[in-house]
Amino acid sequence: MIIQSTHERVSEQAEIEFRQLALKSLVTLRNKQLQESLDHRIKRALQGGTWIGLTRSTCLRLHNQEKARIREQVAQLQFKQAHMREKLTETRKAVARARRLRTSQQAAARKSRSASS
């Protein structure tokens, strides 16, 4: 039972680490987008076929709205990252506890076998 539980915890730990890496990647991408200048954003939008014929003030308003949305997303992603870190720590502790328990049980079994001999 403990071995199965330990294996499950280890696979859960791997999944959490994968999610944490994905969140880190998203946060990095969003932070890069926050650093983008208005001129670069206008250039990128024109190449993509959007923002054609818009005034600079309209582009500025849209750019600021996008930045506000991205800031919200970054905050949410950072919150999720913190939650994943906590969950990963809990999982690592549970795996370590299960391994210690298994080791102590094996040692006790060896001790009882050698005492009965």
C-alpha atoms as a PDB file:
ATOM      1  CA  MET A   1       0.000   0.000   0.000  1.00  0.00           C
ATOM      2  CA  ILE A   2       2.773   2.402   0.944  1.00  0.00           C
ATOM      3  CA  ILE A   3       4.731   1.599  -2.220  1.00  0.00           C
ATOM      4  CA  GLN A   4       1.699   2.238  -4.409  1.00  0.00           C
ATOM      5  CA  SER A   5       1.022   5.462  -2.558  1.00  0.00           C
ATOM      6  CA  THR A   6       4.659   6.512  -2.927  1.00  0.00           C
ATOM      7  CA  HIS A   7       4.571   5.803  -6.657  1.00  0.00           C
ATOM      8  CA  GLU A   8       1.378   7.819  -6.969  1.00  0.00           C
ATOM      9  CA  ARG A   9       2.947  10.681  -5.046  1.00  0.00           C
ATOM     10  CA  VAL A  10       6.059  10.610  -7.220  1.00  0.00           C
ATOM     11  CA  SER A  11       3.968  10.763 -10.394  1.00  0.00           C
ATOM     12  CA  GLU A  12       1.905  13.569  -8.853  1.00  0.00           C
ATOM     13  CA  GLN A  13       5.141  15.378  -8.041  1.00  0.00           C
ATOM     14  CA  ALA A  14       6.309  15.041 -11.659  1.00  0.00           C
ATOM     15  CA  GLU A  15       3.003  16.418 -12.913  1.00  0.00           C
ATOM     16  CA  ILE A  16       3.181  19.365 -10.521  1.00  0.00           C
ATOM     17  CA  GLU A  17       6.741  20.118 -11.635  1.00  0.00           C
ATOM     18  CA  PHE A  18       5.580  20.028 -15.270  1.00  0.00           C
ATOM     19  CA  ARG A  19       2.724  22.435 -14.523  1.00  0.00           C
ATOM     20  CA  GLN A  20       5.081  24.693 -12.611  1.00  0.00           C
ATOM     21  CA  LEU A  21       7.415  24.835 -15.616  1.00  0.00           C
ATOM     22  CA  ALA A  22       4.494  25.680 -17.908  1.00  0.00           C
ATOM     23  CA  LEU A  23       3.361  28.463 -15.566  1.00  0.00           C
ATOM     24  CA  LYS A  24       6.889  29.852 -15.425  1.00  0.00           C
ATOM     25  CA  SER A  25       7.004  29.888 -19.220  1.00  0.00           C
ATOM     26  CA  LEU A  26       3.669  31.720 -19.425  1.00  0.00           C
ATOM     27  CA  VAL A  27       4.731  34.303 -16.849  1.00  0.00           C
ATOM     28  CA  THR A  28       7.961  34.929 -18.764  1.00  0.00           C
ATOM     29  CA  LEU A  29       6.067  35.333 -22.033  1.00  0.00           C
ATOM     30  CA  ARG A  30       3.545  37.724 -20.487  1.00  0.00           C
ATOM     31  CA  ASN A  31       6.292  39.775 -18.850  1.00  0.00           C
ATOM     32  CA  LYS A  32       7.982  40.142 -22.244  1.00  0.00           C
ATOM     33  CA  GLN A  33       4.690  41.363 -23.667  1.00  0.00           C
ATOM     34  CA  LEU A  34       4.450  43.941 -20.875  1.00  0.00           C
ATOM     35  CA  GLN A  35       7.850  45.308 -21.905  1.00  0.00           C
ATOM     36  CA  GLU A  36       6.789  45.802 -25.533  1.00  0.00           C
ATOM     37  CA  SER A  37       6.815  49.432 -26.657  1.00  0.00           C
ATOM     38  CA  LEU A  38       3.841  51.081 -28.321  1.00  0.00           C
ATOM     39  CA  ASP A  39       5.737  51.507 -31.592  1.00  0.00           C
ATOM     40  CA  HIS A  40       6.688  47.839 -31.673  1.00  0.00           C
ATOM     41  CA  ARG A  41       3.105  46.825 -30.873  1.00  0.00           C
ATOM     42  CA  ILE A  42       1.752  49.041 -33.651  1.00  0.00           C
ATOM     43  CA  LYS A  43       4.265  47.542 -36.091  1.00  0.00           C
ATOM     44  CA  ARG A  44       3.336  43.996 -35.054  1.00  0.00           C
ATOM     45  CA  ALA A  45      -0.399  44.774 -35.278  1.00  0.00           C
ATOM     46  CA  LEU A  46      -0.044  46.233 -38.745  1.00  0.00           C
ATOM     47  CA  GLN A  47       1.874  43.167 -39.925  1.00  0.00           C
ATOM     48  CA  GLY A  48      -0.863  40.971 -38.504  1.00  0.00           C
ATOM     49  CA  GLY A  49      -3.568  42.933 -40.303  1.00  0.00           C
ATOM     50  CA  THR A  50      -5.092  44.543 -37.220  1.00  0.00           C
ATOM     51  CA  TRP A  51      -5.051  48.158 -36.109  1.00  0.00           C
ATOM     52  CA  ILE A  52      -5.035  49.287 -39.747  1.00  0.00           C
ATOM     53  CA  GLY A  53      -6.245  52.846 -40.108  1.00  0.00           C
ATOM     54  CA  LEU A  54      -6.314  53.526 -36.369  1.00  0.00           C
ATOM     55  CA  THR A  55      -4.961  56.742 -34.929  1.00  0.00           C
ATOM     56  CA  ARG A  56      -1.956  56.658 -32.633  1.00  0.00           C
ATOM     57  CA  SER A  57      -4.142  57.657 -29.676  1.00  0.00           C
ATOM     58  CA  THR A  58      -6.507  54.745 -30.364  1.00  0.00           C
ATOM     59  CA  CYS A  59      -3.534  52.397 -30.634  1.00  0.00           C
ATOM     60  CA  LEU A  60      -2.217  53.750 -27.339  1.00  0.00           C
ATOM     61  CA  ARG A  61      -5.570  53.112 -25.646  1.00  0.00           C
ATOM     62  CA  LEU A  62      -5.724  49.554 -27.018  1.00  0.00           C
ATOM     63  CA  HIS A  63      -2.099  48.964 -26.042  1.00  0.00           C
ATOM     64  CA  ASN A  64      -2.765  50.120 -22.476  1.00  0.00           C
ATOM     65  CA  GLN A  65      -5.869  47.928 -22.263  1.00  0.00           C
ATOM     66  CA  GLU A  66      -3.830  44.936 -23.398  1.00  0.00           C
ATOM     67  CA  LYS A  67      -1.157  45.697 -20.828  1.00  0.00           C
ATOM     68  CA  ALA A  68      -3.784  45.900 -18.076  1.00  0.00           C
ATOM     69  CA  ARG A  69      -5.185  42.493 -19.108  1.00  0.00           C
ATOM     70  CA  ILE A  70      -1.692  41.018 -19.225  1.00  0.00           C
ATOM     71  CA  ARG A  71      -0.908  42.398 -15.741  1.00  0.00           C
ATOM     72  CA  GLU A  72      -4.047  40.670 -14.435  1.00  0.00           C
ATOM     73  CA  GLN A  73      -3.023  37.432 -16.127  1.00  0.00           C
ATOM     74  CA  VAL A  74       0.487  37.669 -14.673  1.00  0.00           C
ATOM     75  CA  ALA A  75      -0.956  38.192 -11.198  1.00  0.00           C
ATOM     76  CA  GLN A  76      -3.215  35.153 -11.608  1.00  0.00           C
ATOM     77  CA  LEU A  77      -0.360  33.046 -12.962  1.00  0.00           C
ATOM     78  CA  GLN A  78       1.908  34.069 -10.093  1.00  0.00           C
ATOM     79  CA  PHE A  79      -0.822  33.121  -7.633  1.00  0.00           C
ATOM     80  CA  LYS A  80      -1.108  29.708  -9.312  1.00  0.00           C
ATOM     81  CA  GLN A  81       2.684  29.369  -9.201  1.00  0.00           C
ATOM     82  CA  ALA A  82       2.682  29.971  -5.448  1.00  0.00           C
ATOM     83  CA  HIS A  83      -0.083  27.381  -5.027  1.00  0.00           C
ATOM     84  CA  MET A  84       1.873  24.862  -7.131  1.00  0.00           C
ATOM     85  CA  ARG A  85       5.021  25.474  -5.048  1.00  0.00           C
ATOM     86  CA  GLU A  86       3.065  24.764  -1.864  1.00  0.00           C
ATOM     87  CA  LYS A  87       1.514  21.643  -3.345  1.00  0.00           C
ATOM     88  CA  LEU A  88       4.889  20.429  -4.571  1.00  0.00           C
ATOM     89  CA  THR A  89       6.404  20.934  -1.130  1.00  0.00           C
ATOM     90  CA  GLU A  90       3.565  18.982   0.474  1.00  0.00           C
ATOM     91  CA  THR A  91       3.963  16.169  -2.044  1.00  0.00           C
ATOM     92  CA  ARG A  92       7.719  15.975  -1.517  1.00  0.00           C
ATOM     93  CA  LYS A  93       7.211  15.804   2.247  1.00  0.00           C
ATOM     94  CA  ALA A  94       4.612  13.035   1.846  1.00  0.00           C
ATOM     95  CA  VAL A  95       6.958  11.016  -0.383  1.00  0.00           C
ATOM     96  CA  ALA A  96       9.812  11.439   2.099  1.00  0.00           C
ATOM     97  CA  ARG A  97       7.505  10.405   4.977  1.00  0.00           C
ATOM     98  CA  ALA A  98       6.353   7.320   3.072  1.00  0.00           C
ATOM     99  CA  ARG A  99       9.924   6.323   2.268  1.00  0.00           C
ATOM    100  CA  ARG A 100      11.008   6.751   5.892  1.00  0.00           C
ATOM    101  CA  LEU A 101       8.048   4.679   7.046  1.00  0.00           C
ATOM    102  CA  ARG A 102       8.787   1.942   4.520  1.00  0.00           C
ATOM    103  CA  THR A 103      12.442   1.888   5.566  1.00  0.00           C
ATOM    104  CA  SER A 104      11.569   1.665   9.260  1.00  0.00           C
ATOM    105  CA  GLN A 105       9.063  -1.123   8.558  1.00  0.00           C
ATOM    106  CA  GLN A 106      11.671  -3.065   6.586  1.00  0.00           C
ATOM    107  CA  ALA A 107      14.210  -2.580   9.366  1.00  0.00           C
ATOM    108  CA  ALA A 108      11.692  -3.760  11.969  1.00  0.00           C
ATOM    109  CA  ALA A 109      10.861  -6.821   9.857  1.00  0.00           C
ATOM    110  CA  ARG A 110      14.562  -7.694   9.502  1.00  0.00           C
ATOM    111  CA  LYS A 111      15.061  -7.208  13.236  1.00  0.00           C
ATOM    112  CA  SER A 112      12.120  -9.485  14.111  1.00  0.00           C
ATOM    113  CA  ARG A 113      13.361 -12.156  11.670  1.00  0.00           C
ATOM    114  CA  SER A 114      16.852 -12.113  13.119  1.00  0.00           C
ATOM    115  CA  ALA A 115      15.499 -12.158  16.691  1.00  0.00           C
ATOM    116  CA  SER A 116      13.325 -15.202  15.996  1.00  0.00           C
ATOM    117  CA  SER A 117      16.224 -17.128  14.469  1.00  0.00           C
END
